[in-house]
Amino acid sequence: MPWPDTDQLFEPQDAPRAVSAMGMEMVTQGWEKEPHAHRKAQLVLAVRGLITCDVAKGRWLVPPQGALWIPSGVLHSMKAVGALELYCLFIAPDLAEALPRECCAMAISPLLRELVIEVSRLPVLYDPQGRAAPLIRTMLNTLEEAPIEHLHLPMPADPRLRRLADALAADPADRATIALWAQRIGMSERSLHRLIQKETGMSFLRWRQQFQIMLALEQLAQGVAVQTIALDLGYESASAFITMFRKILGQSPGKYLETRVIA
């Protein structure tokens, strides 16, 4: 596939154009980008591979055929796994007013995917009054209609809840009750119920399930078997894990990934 000319004077995100894009392709076992921010708003589109993005308010996950919207000025870090093909679209703030004001995962239609790819193939210093104008206008209109996906893990700010989150990440198979977790972090069970609802907008059980969904999707993207993932997350059987997965995302793990693989 054609990529932007690296001999151009500007990187796409810094180009003196209201809209610019770039694409990249790599096979990685652990690509990471340290915390950074952009003057322009950014759409990160994953055609292949899986991307996670951390910001102050939580973690977002971008599966294949999904995208992450990052408003301008938001500090974020990113990592990716698998055979990766992604496109980064940069949009000046005044053109992004109809788009979300917070980070969010977006479902990407085949049309929108192809429009973003076509914009990435434009010269960095394209003529803004030329053939690029209708292409970009159509892409922006389509982007504004993209539905939001529920692939967000709210991360609490309270240091006691952060310790809980770190412990879950270190041992996701730990099935301790909320009463035991409250004891571990020095709170009453009632206080833990109230605090996690306040900071994440979810009950403890629902937040833990979302945590497990995020971990499971990362492993699925790396080809780990469902049975192995279920055991790693502390489920007694693969069927119990699949039931939880279907309840949250509306599909079994296999079906979910199948719909996100292109030829």
Protein backbone atom coordinates (compact mmCIF):
# COMPACT_ATOMS: atom_id res chain seq x y z
CA MET A 1 0.00 0.00 0.00
CA PRO A 2 1.29 3.53 -0.64
CA TRP A 3 2.40 5.52 2.37
CA PRO A 4 3.03 9.27 2.73
CA ASP A 5 6.33 10.40 1.27
CA THR A 6 8.83 10.52 4.15
CA ASP A 7 10.83 13.15 2.31
CA GLN A 8 7.98 15.66 2.70
CA LEU A 9 8.70 18.70 4.85
CA PHE A 10 5.93 17.93 7.37
CA GLU A 11 4.80 14.90 9.32
CA PRO A 12 1.05 14.35 8.71
CA GLN A 13 0.04 15.43 12.23
CA ASP A 14 2.00 18.67 11.83
CA ALA A 15 1.07 19.44 8.23
CA PRO A 16 -0.51 22.86 7.58
CA ARG A 17 -3.80 21.25 6.57
CA ALA A 18 -7.03 21.00 8.57
CA VAL A 19 -7.19 17.25 7.95
CA SER A 20 -4.30 14.84 7.41
CA ALA A 21 -3.65 11.13 7.85
CA MET A 22 -0.97 8.47 7.76
CA GLY A 23 -0.87 4.67 7.72
CA MET A 24 1.52 2.10 9.07
CA GLU A 25 1.94 -1.65 9.04
CA MET A 26 4.07 -3.84 11.30
CA VAL A 27 4.20 -7.14 13.17
CA THR A 28 4.81 -6.54 16.86
CA GLN A 29 4.79 -8.38 20.15
CA GLY A 30 4.64 -5.19 22.22
CA TRP A 31 4.72 -1.83 20.44
CA GLU A 32 4.24 1.08 22.87
CA LYS A 33 4.10 4.85 22.65
CA GLU A 34 4.78 6.94 25.74
CA PRO A 35 2.25 9.55 27.01
CA HIS A 36 1.83 12.38 24.52
CA ALA A 37 -0.82 14.78 23.18
CA HIS A 38 -1.67 16.35 19.82
CA ARG A 39 -2.85 19.83 18.93
CA LYS A 40 -5.32 18.24 16.52
CA ALA A 41 -7.99 15.69 17.36
CA GLN A 42 -7.04 12.15 16.38
CA LEU A 43 -8.79 9.04 15.11
CA VAL A 44 -6.78 5.82 15.42
CA LEU A 45 -8.23 3.17 13.10
CA ALA A 46 -7.12 -0.45 13.53
CA VAL A 47 -7.64 -2.52 10.38
CA ARG A 48 -5.60 -5.39 11.83
CA GLY A 49 -4.17 -5.92 15.30
CA LEU A 50 -5.39 -4.67 18.67
CA ILE A 51 -4.61 -1.34 20.33
CA THR A 52 -5.10 -0.17 23.90
CA CYS A 53 -4.98 3.47 24.91
CA ASP A 54 -4.66 4.85 28.45
CA VAL A 55 -5.80 8.32 29.48
CA ALA A 56 -6.43 9.86 32.90
CA LYS A 57 -10.05 8.65 33.03
CA GLY A 58 -9.51 5.08 31.92
CA ARG A 59 -8.45 2.60 29.29
CA TRP A 60 -9.91 2.14 25.82
CA LEU A 61 -9.51 -0.90 23.63
CA VAL A 62 -9.53 -0.84 19.82
CA PRO A 63 -10.11 -4.27 18.24
CA PRO A 64 -9.67 -4.96 14.51
CA GLN A 65 -12.09 -2.88 12.42
CA GLY A 66 -12.55 -0.47 15.32
CA ALA A 67 -11.28 3.02 16.04
CA LEU A 68 -10.51 5.30 18.94
CA TRP A 69 -11.42 8.97 18.98
CA ILE A 70 -9.02 11.21 20.96
CA PRO A 71 -9.95 14.92 21.25
CA SER A 72 -7.22 17.52 20.82
CA GLY A 73 -4.92 18.11 23.77
CA VAL A 74 -5.72 14.84 25.58
CA LEU A 75 -2.65 13.18 27.09
CA HIS A 76 -2.61 9.49 26.18
CA SER A 77 -0.29 6.50 25.83
CA MET A 78 -0.78 3.57 23.48
CA LYS A 79 0.32 0.00 22.92
CA ALA A 80 -0.45 -2.58 20.25
CA VAL A 81 -0.09 -6.31 19.73
CA GLY A 82 -0.26 -8.63 16.74
CA ALA A 83 0.09 -8.06 13.02
CA LEU A 84 -0.77 -4.38 12.95
CA GLU A 85 -2.26 -2.22 10.22
CA LEU A 86 -3.45 1.14 11.49
CA TYR A 87 -4.29 4.60 10.23
CA CYS A 88 -4.01 7.83 12.19
CA LEU A 89 -6.30 10.66 11.14
CA PHE A 90 -5.68 14.19 12.44
CA ILE A 91 -8.44 16.83 12.42
CA ALA A 92 -8.18 20.51 13.36
CA PRO A 93 -10.31 21.34 16.44
CA ASP A 94 -12.66 23.67 14.54
CA LEU A 95 -13.64 20.81 12.21
CA ALA A 96 -14.16 18.41 15.11
CA GLU A 97 -16.86 20.38 16.93
CA ALA A 98 -19.60 17.87 16.00
CA LEU A 99 -17.50 14.94 17.19
CA PRO A 100 -17.28 13.63 20.79
CA ARG A 101 -15.64 15.82 23.42
CA GLU A 102 -14.30 12.80 25.32
CA CYS A 103 -12.26 9.77 24.26
CA CYS A 104 -14.41 6.95 22.95
CA ALA A 105 -14.22 3.76 20.89
CA MET A 106 -16.08 3.87 17.57
CA ALA A 107 -17.53 1.18 15.33
CA ILE A 108 -16.20 1.69 11.81
CA SER A 109 -18.24 0.84 8.73
CA PRO A 110 -16.50 -0.50 5.59
CA LEU A 111 -17.26 2.84 3.88
CA LEU A 112 -15.65 4.91 6.63
CA ARG A 113 -12.63 2.61 6.71
CA GLU A 114 -12.03 3.09 2.99
CA LEU A 115 -12.53 6.86 3.23
CA VAL A 116 -9.90 7.13 5.98
CA ILE A 117 -7.50 4.98 3.96
CA GLU A 118 -8.01 7.18 0.90
CA VAL A 119 -7.28 10.32 2.93
CA SER A 120 -4.07 8.68 4.19
CA ARG A 121 -2.97 8.30 0.56
CA LEU A 122 -3.21 12.01 -0.18
CA PRO A 123 0.06 13.94 -0.45
CA VAL A 124 0.96 15.61 2.83
CA LEU A 125 0.66 19.03 1.14
CA TYR A 126 -2.44 18.27 -0.92
CA ASP A 127 -4.42 21.06 -2.56
CA PRO A 128 -7.26 21.79 -0.07
CA GLN A 129 -9.40 23.17 -2.91
CA GLY A 130 -8.77 20.27 -5.26
CA ARG A 131 -10.11 16.70 -5.46
CA ALA A 132 -9.31 16.16 -1.77
CA ALA A 133 -12.08 18.55 -0.66
CA PRO A 134 -15.15 16.36 -1.40
CA LEU A 135 -13.34 13.24 -0.18
CA ILE A 136 -12.55 14.85 3.17
CA ARG A 137 -16.03 16.34 3.52
CA THR A 138 -17.65 12.95 2.91
CA MET A 139 -15.29 11.28 5.37
CA LEU A 140 -16.06 13.83 8.12
CA ASN A 141 -19.81 13.51 7.58
CA THR A 142 -19.54 9.71 7.81
CA LEU A 143 -17.32 9.90 10.89
CA GLU A 144 -19.88 12.07 12.70
CA GLU A 145 -22.44 9.26 12.31
CA ALA A 146 -20.18 6.45 13.59
CA PRO A 147 -21.71 4.62 16.60
CA ILE A 148 -19.92 4.44 19.93
CA GLU A 149 -18.67 1.05 21.20
CA HIS A 150 -18.59 0.02 24.86
CA LEU A 151 -14.91 -0.90 25.04
CA HIS A 152 -13.95 1.43 27.85
CA LEU A 153 -12.61 0.52 31.27
CA PRO A 154 -13.06 3.47 33.67
CA MET A 155 -10.02 3.71 35.93
CA PRO A 156 -10.63 5.10 39.44
CA ALA A 157 -8.48 7.91 40.79
CA ASP A 158 -8.73 6.89 44.45
CA PRO A 159 -5.41 5.26 45.45
CA ARG A 160 -7.16 2.40 47.27
CA LEU A 161 -9.15 1.52 44.16
CA ARG A 162 -6.00 1.82 42.08
CA ARG A 163 -4.41 -0.81 44.32
CA LEU A 164 -7.42 -3.02 43.70
CA ALA A 165 -7.08 -2.50 39.94
CA ASP A 166 -3.34 -3.29 40.06
CA ALA A 167 -4.06 -6.48 42.03
CA LEU A 168 -6.68 -7.59 39.49
CA ALA A 169 -4.26 -6.95 36.63
CA ALA A 170 -1.56 -8.98 38.40
CA ASP A 171 -3.91 -11.88 39.17
CA PRO A 172 -7.08 -11.72 37.00
CA ALA A 173 -8.09 -15.20 38.21
CA ASP A 174 -8.65 -13.86 41.74
CA ARG A 175 -12.40 -14.33 42.37
CA ALA A 176 -12.44 -12.72 45.81
CA THR A 177 -15.77 -11.26 46.95
CA ILE A 178 -16.26 -7.54 47.31
CA ALA A 179 -16.25 -8.04 51.09
CA LEU A 180 -12.76 -9.55 50.92
CA TRP A 181 -11.53 -6.85 48.54
CA ALA A 182 -12.83 -4.19 50.94
CA GLN A 183 -10.89 -5.81 53.76
CA ARG A 184 -7.73 -5.98 51.66
CA ILE A 185 -7.73 -2.27 50.85
CA GLY A 186 -8.88 -1.09 54.28
CA MET A 187 -12.49 -0.11 53.61
CA SER A 188 -15.92 -1.26 54.64
CA GLU A 189 -17.89 -3.22 52.05
CA ARG A 190 -20.53 -0.47 51.90
CA SER A 191 -17.89 2.21 51.37
CA LEU A 192 -16.29 0.21 48.56
CA HIS A 193 -19.67 -0.22 46.87
CA ARG A 194 -20.30 3.54 46.99
CA LEU A 195 -16.79 4.61 45.99
CA ILE A 196 -16.42 2.35 42.96
CA GLN A 197 -19.89 3.38 41.73
CA LYS A 198 -18.95 7.04 42.14
CA GLU A 199 -15.58 6.76 40.40
CA THR A 200 -16.41 4.34 37.58
CA GLY A 201 -20.17 4.60 37.15
CA MET A 202 -20.37 0.81 37.54
CA SER A 203 -21.03 -1.71 40.26
CA PHE A 204 -18.03 -3.70 41.47
CA LEU A 205 -19.22 -6.83 39.64
CA ARG A 206 -19.85 -4.97 36.38
CA TRP A 207 -16.49 -3.17 36.58
CA ARG A 208 -14.64 -6.44 37.20
CA GLN A 209 -16.42 -8.02 34.22
CA GLN A 210 -15.37 -5.08 32.03
CA PHE A 211 -11.81 -5.49 33.29
CA GLN A 212 -11.94 -9.16 32.27
CA ILE A 213 -13.40 -8.33 28.84
CA MET A 214 -10.47 -6.01 28.14
CA LEU A 215 -7.93 -8.64 29.18
CA ALA A 216 -9.75 -11.34 27.20
CA LEU A 217 -9.83 -9.30 23.99
CA GLU A 218 -6.08 -8.68 24.21
CA GLN A 219 -5.46 -12.42 24.54
CA LEU A 220 -7.93 -13.33 21.79
CA ALA A 221 -6.12 -10.95 19.44
CA GLN A 222 -2.92 -12.90 20.12
CA GLY A 223 -4.57 -16.22 19.28
CA VAL A 224 -4.95 -17.56 22.83
CA ALA A 225 -7.60 -20.30 23.09
CA VAL A 226 -10.91 -19.45 24.78
CA GLN A 227 -10.46 -22.34 27.23
CA THR A 228 -7.09 -20.95 28.33
CA ILE A 229 -8.46 -17.42 28.69
CA ALA A 230 -11.39 -18.68 30.77
CA LEU A 231 -9.04 -20.45 33.19
CA ASP A 232 -6.68 -17.46 33.33
CA LEU A 233 -9.62 -15.28 34.36
CA GLY A 234 -10.75 -17.65 37.07
CA TYR A 235 -13.79 -19.19 35.37
CA GLU A 236 -14.59 -22.82 36.08
CA SER A 237 -15.36 -23.51 32.42
CA ALA A 238 -15.12 -21.97 28.98
CA SER A 239 -18.94 -21.93 28.75
CA ALA A 240 -19.21 -19.74 31.87
CA PHE A 241 -16.74 -17.27 30.38
CA ILE A 242 -18.52 -17.28 27.00
CA THR A 243 -21.83 -16.55 28.75
CA MET A 244 -20.30 -13.48 30.45
CA PHE A 245 -18.64 -12.34 27.20
CA ARG A 246 -21.90 -12.66 25.26
CA LYS A 247 -23.80 -10.77 27.97
CA ILE A 248 -21.41 -7.80 27.73
CA LEU A 249 -20.66 -7.68 23.99
CA GLY A 250 -23.67 -9.46 22.52
CA GLN A 251 -21.65 -12.19 20.78
CA SER A 252 -19.48 -15.17 21.63
CA PRO A 253 -15.70 -14.54 21.53
CA GLY A 254 -15.33 -16.47 18.27
CA LYS A 255 -18.18 -14.65 16.55
CA TYR A 256 -16.98 -11.28 17.80
CA LEU A 257 -13.51 -11.74 16.29
CA GLU A 258 -14.91 -13.33 13.12
CA THR A 259 -16.85 -10.15 12.35
CA ARG A 260 -13.65 -8.12 12.70
CA VAL A 261 -11.40 -10.04 10.33
CA ILE A 262 -11.10 -8.95 6.71
CA ALA A 263 -9.65 -10.97 3.89
